[in-house]
PDB file of N, CA and C in Angstrom:
ATOM      1  N   MET A   1      92.976  93.839  84.042  1.00  0.00           N
ATOM      2  CA  MET A   1      92.662  93.866  85.441  1.00  0.00           C
ATOM      3  C   MET A   1      93.638  94.817  86.123  1.00  0.00           C
ATOM      4  N   THR A   2      93.109  95.825  86.793  1.00  0.00           N
ATOM      5  CA  THR A   2      93.936  96.822  87.454  1.00  0.00           C
ATOM      6  C   THR A   2      93.681  96.772  88.952  1.00  0.00           C
ATOM      7  N   VAL A   3      94.741  96.654  89.723  1.00  0.00           N
ATOM      8  CA  VAL A   3      94.650  96.713  91.174  1.00  0.00           C
ATOM      9  C   VAL A   3      95.707  97.687  91.637  1.00  0.00           C
ATOM     10  N   SER A   4      95.292  98.743  92.336  1.00  0.00           N
ATOM     11  CA  SER A   4      96.258  99.698  92.864  1.00  0.00           C
ATOM     12  C   SER A   4      95.790 100.179  94.223  1.00  0.00           C
ATOM     13  N   GLU A   5      96.683 100.778  94.953  1.00  0.00           N
ATOM     14  CA  GLU A   5      96.390 101.250  96.309  1.00  0.00           C
ATOM     15  C   GLU A   5      96.286 102.767  96.316  1.00  0.00           C
ATOM     16  N   LYS A   6      95.295 103.303  97.006  1.00  0.00           N
ATOM     17  CA  LYS A   6      95.128 104.747  97.176  1.00  0.00           C
ATOM     18  C   LYS A   6      95.229 105.059  98.665  1.00  0.00           C
ATOM     19  N   PRO A   7      95.892 106.145  99.062  1.00  0.00           N
ATOM     20  CA  PRO A   7      95.964 106.498 100.477  1.00  0.00           C
ATOM     21  C   PRO A   7      94.564 106.680 101.062  1.00  0.00           C
ATOM     22  N   LEU A   8      94.402 106.292 102.292  1.00  0.00           N
ATOM     23  CA  LEU A   8      93.110 106.345 102.951  1.00  0.00           C
ATOM     24  C   LEU A   8      93.190 107.308 104.118  1.00  0.00           C
ATOM     25  N   SER A   9      92.300 108.289 104.155  1.00  0.00           N
ATOM     26  CA  SER A   9      92.362 109.291 105.204  1.00  0.00           C
ATOM     27  C   SER A   9      91.277 109.117 106.254  1.00  0.00           C
ATOM     28  N   PHE A  10      90.549 108.034 106.202  1.00  0.00           N
ATOM     29  CA  PHE A  10      89.472 107.803 107.155  1.00  0.00           C
ATOM     30  C   PHE A  10      90.037 107.156 108.408  1.00  0.00           C
ATOM     31  N   ALA A  11      90.109 107.909 109.507  1.00  0.00           N
ATOM     32  CA  ALA A  11      90.682 107.388 110.738  1.00  0.00           C
ATOM     33  C   ALA A  11      89.878 106.211 111.275  1.00  0.00           C
ATOM     34  N   THR A  12      88.589 106.150 110.958  1.00  0.00           N
ATOM     35  CA  THR A  12      87.749 105.074 111.481  1.00  0.00           C
ATOM     36  C   THR A  12      88.019 103.746 110.804  1.00  0.00           C
ATOM     37  N   LEU A  13      88.820 103.726 109.749  1.00  0.00           N
ATOM     38  CA  LEU A  13      89.056 102.492 109.023  1.00  0.00           C
ATOM     39  C   LEU A  13      90.349 101.802 109.423  1.00  0.00           C
ATOM     40  N   SER A  14      91.009 102.261 110.471  1.00  0.00           N
ATOM     41  CA  SER A  14      92.272 101.644 110.852  1.00  0.00           C
ATOM     42  C   SER A  14      92.023 100.292 111.503  1.00  0.00           C
ATOM     43  N   GLY A  15      92.985  99.415 111.396  1.00  0.00           N
ATOM     44  CA  GLY A  15      92.881  98.088 111.986  1.00  0.00           C
ATOM     45  C   GLY A  15      93.892  97.162 111.368  1.00  0.00           C
ATOM     46  N   SER A  16      94.052  96.001 111.974  1.00  0.00           N
ATOM     47  CA  SER A  16      95.040  95.057 111.451  1.00  0.00           C
ATOM     48  C   SER A  16      94.455  94.293 110.286  1.00  0.00           C
ATOM     49  N   GLU A  17      95.321  93.756 109.466  1.00  0.00           N
ATOM     50  CA  GLU A  17      94.918  93.005 108.284  1.00  0.00           C
ATOM     51  C   GLU A  17      95.235  91.523 108.463  1.00  0.00           C
ATOM     52  N   SER A  18      95.120  91.028 109.666  1.00  0.00           N
ATOM     53  CA  SER A  18      95.468  89.628 109.900  1.00  0.00           C
ATOM     54  C   SER A  18      94.384  88.713 109.353  1.00  0.00           C
ATOM     55  N   GLY A  19      94.802  87.542 108.929  1.00  0.00           N
ATOM     56  CA  GLY A  19      93.868  86.553 108.391  1.00  0.00           C
ATOM     57  C   GLY A  19      93.186  85.779 109.499  1.00  0.00           C
ATOM     58  N   ASP A  20      92.110  85.090 109.191  1.00  0.00           N
ATOM     59  CA  ASP A  20      91.420  84.269 110.170  1.00  0.00           C
ATOM     60  C   ASP A  20      92.238  83.017 110.435  1.00  0.00           C
ATOM     61  N   ARG A  21      92.113  82.480 111.641  1.00  0.00           N
ATOM     62  CA  ARG A  21      92.828  81.263 112.010  1.00  0.00           C
ATOM     63  C   ARG A  21      91.830  80.127 112.203  1.00  0.00           C
ATOM     64  N   ASP A  22      92.293  78.905 111.916  1.00  0.00           N
ATOM     65  CA  ASP A  22      91.439  77.756 112.179  1.00  0.00           C
ATOM     66  C   ASP A  22      91.503  77.440 113.669  1.00  0.00           C
ATOM     67  N   PRO A  23      90.694  76.484 114.171  1.00  0.00           N
ATOM     68  CA  PRO A  23      90.681  76.205 115.613  1.00  0.00           C
ATOM     69  C   PRO A  23      92.042  75.811 116.183  1.00  0.00           C
ATOM     70  N   GLU A  24      92.948  75.286 115.356  1.00  0.00           N
ATOM     71  CA  GLU A  24      94.267  74.888 115.840  1.00  0.00           C
ATOM     72  C   GLU A  24      95.267  76.032 115.795  1.00  0.00           C
ATOM     73  N   GLY A  25      94.854  77.218 115.361  1.00  0.00           N
ATOM     74  CA  GLY A  25      95.721  78.389 115.362  1.00  0.00           C
ATOM     75  C   GLY A  25      96.546  78.563 114.100  1.00  0.00           C
ATOM     76  N   ASN A  26      96.282  77.769 113.069  1.00  0.00           N
ATOM     77  CA  ASN A  26      97.036  77.889 111.820  1.00  0.00           C
ATOM     78  C   ASN A  26      96.345  78.854 110.879  1.00  0.00           C
ATOM     79  N   ARG A  27      97.145  79.619 110.137  1.00  0.00           N
ATOM     80  CA  ARG A  27      96.583  80.526 109.130  1.00  0.00           C
ATOM     81  C   ARG A  27      96.230  79.745 107.880  1.00  0.00           C
ATOM     82  N   PRO A  28      95.189  80.204 107.156  1.00  0.00           N
ATOM     83  CA  PRO A  28      94.869  79.553 105.882  1.00  0.00           C
ATOM     84  C   PRO A  28      95.973  79.832 104.864  1.00  0.00           C
ATOM     85  N   PRO A  29      96.046  79.020 103.799  1.00  0.00           N
ATOM     86  CA  PRO A  29      97.086  79.256 102.791  1.00  0.00           C
ATOM     87  C   PRO A  29      96.975  80.665 102.213  1.00  0.00           C
ATOM     88  N   SER A  30      98.112  81.297 101.987  1.00  0.00           N
ATOM     89  CA  SER A  30      98.137  82.663 101.475  1.00  0.00           C
ATOM     90  C   SER A  30      98.249  82.666  99.962  1.00  0.00           C
ATOM     91  N   SER A  31      97.570  83.620  99.320  1.00  0.00           N
ATOM     92  CA  SER A  31      97.669  83.768  97.872  1.00  0.00           C
ATOM     93  C   SER A  31      98.837  84.671  97.495  1.00  0.00           C
ATOM     94  N   GLY A  32      99.546  85.205  98.482  1.00  0.00           N
ATOM     95  CA  GLY A  32     100.643  86.120  98.212  1.00  0.00           C
ATOM     96  C   GLY A  32     100.215  87.578  98.264  1.00  0.00           C
ATOM     97  N   LEU A  33      98.929  87.853  98.135  1.00  0.00           N
ATOM     98  CA  LEU A  33      98.403  89.219  98.231  1.00  0.00           C
ATOM     99  C   LEU A  33      97.894  89.465  99.638  1.00  0.00           C
ATOM    100  N   PRO A  34      98.015  90.701 100.145  1.00  0.00           N
ATOM    101  CA  PRO A  34      97.435  91.004 101.453  1.00  0.00           C
ATOM    102  C   PRO A  34      95.909  90.874 101.402  1.00  0.00           C
ATOM    103  N   MET A  35      95.332  90.419 102.490  1.00  0.00           N
ATOM    104  CA  MET A  35      93.887  90.238 102.562  1.00  0.00           C
ATOM    105  C   MET A  35      93.184  91.596 102.556  1.00  0.00           C
ATOM    106  N   GLY A  36      92.094  91.697 101.816  1.00  0.00           N
ATOM    107  CA  GLY A  36      91.305  92.917 101.769  1.00  0.00           C
ATOM    108  C   GLY A  36      90.240  92.921 102.842  1.00  0.00           C
ATOM    109  N   ARG A  37      90.003  94.083 103.403  1.00  0.00           N
ATOM    110  CA  ARG A  37      88.950  94.245 104.405  1.00  0.00           C
ATOM    111  C   ARG A  37      87.780  94.948 103.736  1.00  0.00           C
ATOM    112  N   ILE A  38      86.597  94.386 103.844  1.00  0.00           N
ATOM    113  CA  ILE A  38      85.392  95.001 103.275  1.00  0.00           C
ATOM    114  C   ILE A  38      84.902  96.083 104.227  1.00  0.00           C
ATOM    115  N   VAL A  39      84.631  97.273 103.686  1.00  0.00           N
ATOM    116  CA  VAL A  39      84.151  98.387 104.501  1.00  0.00           C
ATOM    117  C   VAL A  39      82.842  98.894 103.902  1.00  0.00           C
ATOM    118  N   GLU A  40      81.780  98.884 104.730  1.00  0.00           N
ATOM    119  CA  GLU A  40      80.507  99.476 104.315  1.00  0.00           C
ATOM    120  C   GLU A  40      80.464 100.896 104.854  1.00  0.00           C
ATOM    121  N   MET A  41      80.411 101.862 103.962  1.00  0.00           N
ATOM    122  CA  MET A  41      80.316 103.266 104.364  1.00  0.00           C
ATOM    123  C   MET A  41      78.836 103.634 104.270  1.00  0.00           C
ATOM    124  N   ALA A  42      78.117 103.356 105.348  1.00  0.00           N
ATOM    125  CA  ALA A  42      76.663 103.414 105.352  1.00  0.00           C
ATOM    126  C   ALA A  42      76.108 104.797 105.002  1.00  0.00           C
ATOM    127  N   PHE A  43      76.717 105.846 105.490  1.00  0.00           N
ATOM    128  CA  PHE A  43      76.191 107.176 105.226  1.00  0.00           C
ATOM    129  C   PHE A  43      76.204 107.481 103.724  1.00  0.00           C
ATOM    130  N   SER A  44      77.276 107.054 103.047  1.00  0.00           N
ATOM    131  CA  SER A  44      77.406 107.275 101.602  1.00  0.00           C
ATOM    132  C   SER A  44      76.771 106.169 100.776  1.00  0.00           C
ATOM    133  N   ARG A  45      76.423 105.069 101.432  1.00  0.00           N
ATOM    134  CA  ARG A  45      75.846 103.893 100.765  1.00  0.00           C
ATOM    135  C   ARG A  45      76.786 103.306  99.721  1.00  0.00           C
ATOM    136  N   ILE A  46      78.066 103.224 100.072  1.00  0.00           N
ATOM    137  CA  ILE A  46      79.027 102.593  99.181  1.00  0.00           C
ATOM    138  C   ILE A  46      79.835 101.542  99.958  1.00  0.00           C
ATOM    139  N   TRP A  47      80.446 100.649  99.217  1.00  0.00           N
ATOM    140  CA  TRP A  47      81.288  99.596  99.766  1.00  0.00           C
ATOM    141  C   TRP A  47      82.672  99.737  99.164  1.00  0.00           C
ATOM    142  N   VAL A  48      83.727  99.604  99.988  1.00  0.00           N
ATOM    143  CA  VAL A  48      85.102  99.724  99.515  1.00  0.00           C
ATOM    144  C   VAL A  48      85.932  98.558 100.056  1.00  0.00           C
ATOM    145  N   ILE A  49      87.117  98.376  99.464  1.00  0.00           N
ATOM    146  CA  ILE A  49      88.081  97.388  99.952  1.00  0.00           C
ATOM    147  C   ILE A  49      89.273  98.158 100.501  1.00  0.00           C
ATOM    148  N   LYS A  50      89.690  97.797 101.706  1.00  0.00           N
ATOM    149  CA  LYS A  50      90.859  98.409 102.328  1.00  0.00           C
ATOM    150  C   LYS A  50      91.925  97.325 102.500  1.00  0.00           C
ATOM    151  N   ARG A  51      93.130  97.626 102.033  1.00  0.00           N
ATOM    152  CA  ARG A  51      94.265  96.722 102.248  1.00  0.00           C
ATOM    153  C   ARG A  51      95.454  97.540 102.684  1.00  0.00           C
ATOM    154  N   GLN A  52      96.094  97.121 103.761  1.00  0.00           N
ATOM    155  CA  GLN A  52      97.275  97.795 104.301  1.00  0.00           C
ATOM    156  C   GLN A  52      97.053  99.296 104.458  1.00  0.00           C
ATOM    157  N   GLY A  53      95.878  99.691 104.970  1.00  0.00           N
ATOM    158  CA  GLY A  53      95.579 101.087 105.257  1.00  0.00           C
ATOM    159  C   GLY A  53      95.244 101.947 104.060  1.00  0.00           C
ATOM    160  N   ALA A  54      94.990 101.327 102.906  1.00  0.00           N
ATOM    161  CA  ALA A  54      94.706 102.115 101.696  1.00  0.00           C
ATOM    162  C   ALA A  54      93.481 101.567 100.988  1.00  0.00           C
ATOM    163  N   LEU A  55      92.732 102.455 100.335  1.00  0.00           N
ATOM    164  CA  LEU A  55      91.648 102.000  99.473  1.00  0.00           C
ATOM    165  C   LEU A  55      92.259 101.240  98.309  1.00  0.00           C
ATOM    166  N   THR A  56      91.591 100.171  97.884  1.00  0.00           N
ATOM    167  CA  THR A  56      92.099  99.351  96.795  1.00  0.00           C
ATOM    168  C   THR A  56      91.269  99.591  95.540  1.00  0.00           C
ATOM    169  N   GLU A  57      91.958  99.947  94.467  1.00  0.00           N
ATOM    170  CA  GLU A  57      91.294 100.138  93.182  1.00  0.00           C
ATOM    171  C   GLU A  57      91.311  98.807  92.437  1.00  0.00           C
ATOM    172  N   VAL A  58      90.144  98.368  91.984  1.00  0.00           N
ATOM    173  CA  VAL A  58      90.016  97.125  91.241  1.00  0.00           C
ATOM    174  C   VAL A  58      89.290  97.427  89.936  1.00  0.00           C
ATOM    175  N   GLU A  59      89.913  97.085  88.831  1.00  0.00           N
ATOM    176  CA  GLU A  59      89.311  97.300  87.509  1.00  0.00           C
ATOM    177  C   GLU A  59      88.855  98.749  87.319  1.00  0.00           C
ATOM    178  N   GLY A  60      89.654  99.686  87.841  1.00  0.00           N
ATOM    179  CA  GLY A  60      89.351 101.103  87.680  1.00  0.00           C
ATOM    180  C   GLY A  60      88.327 101.666  88.646  1.00  0.00           C
ATOM    181  N   ARG A  61      87.890 100.872  89.615  1.00  0.00           N
ATOM    182  CA  ARG A  61      86.879 101.343  90.582  1.00  0.00           C
ATOM    183  C   ARG A  61      87.446 101.375  91.981  1.00  0.00           C
ATOM    184  N   LEU A  62      86.991 102.350  92.771  1.00  0.00           N
ATOM    185  CA  LEU A  62      87.350 102.433  94.183  1.00  0.00           C
ATOM    186  C   LEU A  62      86.187 102.058  95.096  1.00  0.00           C
ATOM    187  N   TYR A  63      84.957 102.048  94.583  1.00  0.00           N
ATOM    188  CA  TYR A  63      83.800 101.715  95.420  1.00  0.00           C
ATOM    189  C   TYR A  63      82.739 101.007  94.590  1.00  0.00           C
ATOM    190  N   TRP A  64      81.839 100.311  95.292  1.00  0.00           N
ATOM    191  CA  TRP A  64      80.765  99.531  94.672  1.00  0.00           C
ATOM    192  C   TRP A  64      79.465  99.828  95.391  1.00  0.00           C
ATOM    193  N   PRO A  65      78.329  99.646  94.704  1.00  0.00           N
ATOM    194  CA  PRO A  65      77.036  99.979  95.312  1.00  0.00           C
ATOM    195  C   PRO A  65      76.535  98.929  96.303  1.00  0.00           C
ATOM    196  N   ASP A  66      77.105  97.713  96.262  1.00  0.00           N
ATOM    197  CA  ASP A  66      76.665  96.659  97.176  1.00  0.00           C
ATOM    198  C   ASP A  66      77.796  95.668  97.420  1.00  0.00           C
ATOM    199  N   ARG A  67      77.648  94.883  98.474  1.00  0.00           N
ATOM    200  CA  ARG A  67      78.687  93.929  98.863  1.00  0.00           C
ATOM    201  C   ARG A  67      78.900  92.852  97.801  1.00  0.00           C
ATOM    202  N   CYS A  68      77.836  92.388  97.201  1.00  0.00           N
ATOM    203  CA  CYS A  68      77.926  91.318  96.205  1.00  0.00           C
ATOM    204  C   CYS A  68      78.805  91.728  95.020  1.00  0.00           C
ATOM    205  N   SER A  69      78.596  92.917  94.475  1.00  0.00           N
ATOM    206  CA  SER A  69      79.397  93.359  93.332  1.00  0.00           C
ATOM    207  C   SER A  69      80.852  93.596  93.739  1.00  0.00           C
ATOM    208  N   LEU A  70      81.089  94.051  94.970  1.00  0.00           N
ATOM    209  CA  LEU A  70      82.446  94.204  95.474  1.00  0.00           C
ATOM    210  C   LEU A  70      83.146  92.847  95.544  1.00  0.00           C
ATOM    211  N   GLU A  71      82.459  91.843  96.094  1.00  0.00           N
ATOM    212  CA  GLU A  71      83.046  90.510  96.213  1.00  0.00           C
ATOM    213  C   GLU A  71      83.338  89.891  94.846  1.00  0.00           C
ATOM    214  N   ARG A  72      82.465  90.101  93.869  1.00  0.00           N
ATOM    215  CA  ARG A  72      82.705  89.575  92.519  1.00  0.00           C
ATOM    216  C   ARG A  72      83.943  90.222  91.899  1.00  0.00           C
ATOM    217  N   ALA A  73      84.083  91.535  92.046  1.00  0.00           N
ATOM    218  CA  ALA A  73      85.246  92.244  91.495  1.00  0.00           C
ATOM    219  C   ALA A  73      86.532  91.759  92.160  1.00  0.00           C
ATOM    220  N   ALA A  74      86.506  91.585  93.475  1.00  0.00           N
ATOM    221  CA  ALA A  74      87.696  91.100  94.189  1.00  0.00           C
ATOM    222  C   ALA A  74      88.059  89.690  93.734  1.00  0.00           C
ATOM    223  N   ALA A  75      87.062  88.848  93.535  1.00  0.00           N
ATOM    224  CA  ALA A  75      87.321  87.481  93.070  1.00  0.00           C
ATOM    225  C   ALA A  75      87.955  87.486  91.681  1.00  0.00           C
ATOM    226  N   ARG A  76      87.448  88.323  90.773  1.00  0.00           N
ATOM    227  CA  ARG A  76      88.028  88.418  89.430  1.00  0.00           C
ATOM    228  C   ARG A  76      89.480  88.872  89.475  1.00  0.00           C
ATOM    229  N   ALA A  77      89.798  89.764  90.432  1.00  0.00           N
ATOM    230  CA  ALA A  77      91.155  90.297  90.559  1.00  0.00           C
ATOM    231  C   ALA A  77      92.054  89.392  91.400  1.00  0.00           C
ATOM    232  N   GLY A  78      91.479  88.340  91.987  1.00  0.00           N
ATOM    233  CA  GLY A  78      92.268  87.433  92.808  1.00  0.00           C
ATOM    234  C   GLY A  78      92.633  87.988  94.166  1.00  0.00           C
ATOM    235  N   ILE A  79      91.820  88.906  94.691  1.00  0.00           N
ATOM    236  CA  ILE A  79      92.084  89.519  95.994  1.00  0.00           C
ATOM    237  C   ILE A  79      91.318  88.742  97.067  1.00  0.00           C
ATOM    238  N   PRO A  80      92.027  88.128  98.011  1.00  0.00           N
ATOM    239  CA  PRO A  80      91.331  87.455  99.114  1.00  0.00           C
ATOM    240  C   PRO A  80      90.700  88.489 100.038  1.00  0.00           C
ATOM    241  N   LEU A  81      89.484  88.208 100.503  1.00  0.00           N
ATOM    242  CA  LEU A  81      88.764  89.137 101.382  1.00  0.00           C
ATOM    243  C   LEU A  81      88.523  88.519 102.748  1.00  0.00           C
ATOM    244  N   SER A  82      88.615  89.341 103.765  1.00  0.00           N
ATOM    245  CA  SER A  82      88.260  88.925 105.114  1.00  0.00           C
ATOM    246  C   SER A  82      86.743  88.776 105.191  1.00  0.00           C
ATOM    247  N   ASP A  83      86.273  87.877 106.044  1.00  0.00           N
ATOM    248  CA  ASP A  83      84.828  87.751 106.215  1.00  0.00           C
ATOM    249  C   ASP A  83      84.300  88.728 107.268  1.00  0.00           C
ATOM    250  N   VAL A  84      85.190  89.505 107.889  1.00  0.00           N
ATOM    251  CA  VAL A  84      84.802  90.527 108.856  1.00  0.00           C
ATOM    252  C   VAL A  84      84.570  91.838 108.109  1.00  0.00           C
ATOM    253  N   VAL A  85      83.379  92.409 108.275  1.00  0.00           N
ATOM    254  CA  VAL A  85      83.017  93.650 107.586  1.00  0.00           C
ATOM    255  C   VAL A  85      83.070  94.810 108.580  1.00  0.00           C
ATOM    256  N   ILE A  86      83.729  95.889 108.182  1.00  0.00           N
ATOM    257  CA  ILE A  86      83.742  97.115 108.984  1.00  0.00           C
ATOM    258  C   ILE A  86      82.574  97.973 108.518  1.00  0.00           C
ATOM    259  N   ARG A  87      81.751  98.411 109.447  1.00  0.00           N
ATOM    260  CA  ARG A  87      80.591  99.245 109.116  1.00  0.00           C
ATOM    261  C   ARG A  87      80.792 100.619 109.741  1.00  0.00           C
ATOM    262  N   THR A  88      80.696 101.651 108.905  1.00  0.00           N
ATOM    263  CA  THR A  88      80.886 103.017 109.391  1.00  0.00           C
ATOM    264  C   THR A  88      79.640 103.837 109.103  1.00  0.00           C
ATOM    265  N   GLY A  89      79.536 104.987 109.738  1.00  0.00           N
ATOM    266  CA  GLY A  89      78.445 105.918 109.429  1.00  0.00           C
ATOM    267  C   GLY A  89      77.116 105.499 109.995  1.00  0.00           C
ATOM    268  N   ARG A  90      76.079 105.922 109.348  1.00  0.00           N
ATOM    269  CA  ARG A  90      74.714 105.711 109.791  1.00  0.00           C
ATOM    270  C   ARG A  90      74.316 104.256 109.579  1.00  0.00           C
ATOM    271  N   LEU A  91      73.908 103.582 110.645  1.00  0.00           N
ATOM    272  CA  LEU A  91      73.554 102.180 110.543  1.00  0.00           C
ATOM    273  C   LEU A  91      72.098 101.900 110.909  1.00  0.00           C
ATOM    274  N   ASP A  92      71.328 102.929 111.255  1.00  0.00           N
ATOM    275  CA  ASP A  92      69.938 102.674 111.600  1.00  0.00           C
ATOM    276  C   ASP A  92      69.145 102.305 110.350  1.00  0.00           C
ATOM    277  N   ILE A  93      68.234 101.386 110.488  1.00  0.00           N
ATOM    278  CA  ILE A  93      67.498 100.797 109.364  1.00  0.00           C
ATOM    279  C   ILE A  93      66.657 101.830 108.611  1.00  0.00           C
ATOM    280  N   LYS A  94      66.087 102.830 109.289  1.00  0.00           N
ATOM    281  CA  LYS A  94      65.204 103.797 108.638  1.00  0.00           C
ATOM    282  C   LYS A  94      65.900 104.595 107.543  1.00  0.00           C
ATOM    283  N   HIS A  95      67.218 104.734 107.592  1.00  0.00           N
ATOM    284  CA  HIS A  95      67.928 105.571 106.638  1.00  0.00           C
ATOM    285  C   HIS A  95      68.709 104.804 105.591  1.00  0.00           C
ATOM    286  N   ARG A  96      68.518 103.524 105.486  1.00  0.00           N
ATOM    287  CA  ARG A  96      69.270 102.713 104.513  1.00  0.00           C
ATOM    288  C   ARG A  96      68.608 102.662 103.197  1.00  0.00           C
TER     289      ARG A  96
END
């Protein structure tokens, strides 16, 4: 299992990596790894994981063809994922 960070040059992918809070304001238990943000790059039709401003390589891959396969790879690698998805590029239904 390989997990590594690659520099990310996409300005549209910036944002905080904070975890979700429960109604009382407490953070969920941490696995020790930074939470991954799922990014759908609609124009390219690929899905990536961003952590701490960098693309995350999992099992030798930097991108996946769909969200489901991305989530399975992250689970195998033990990478917690945010449930908030960043969507970039073309989002109109006719071009998907």
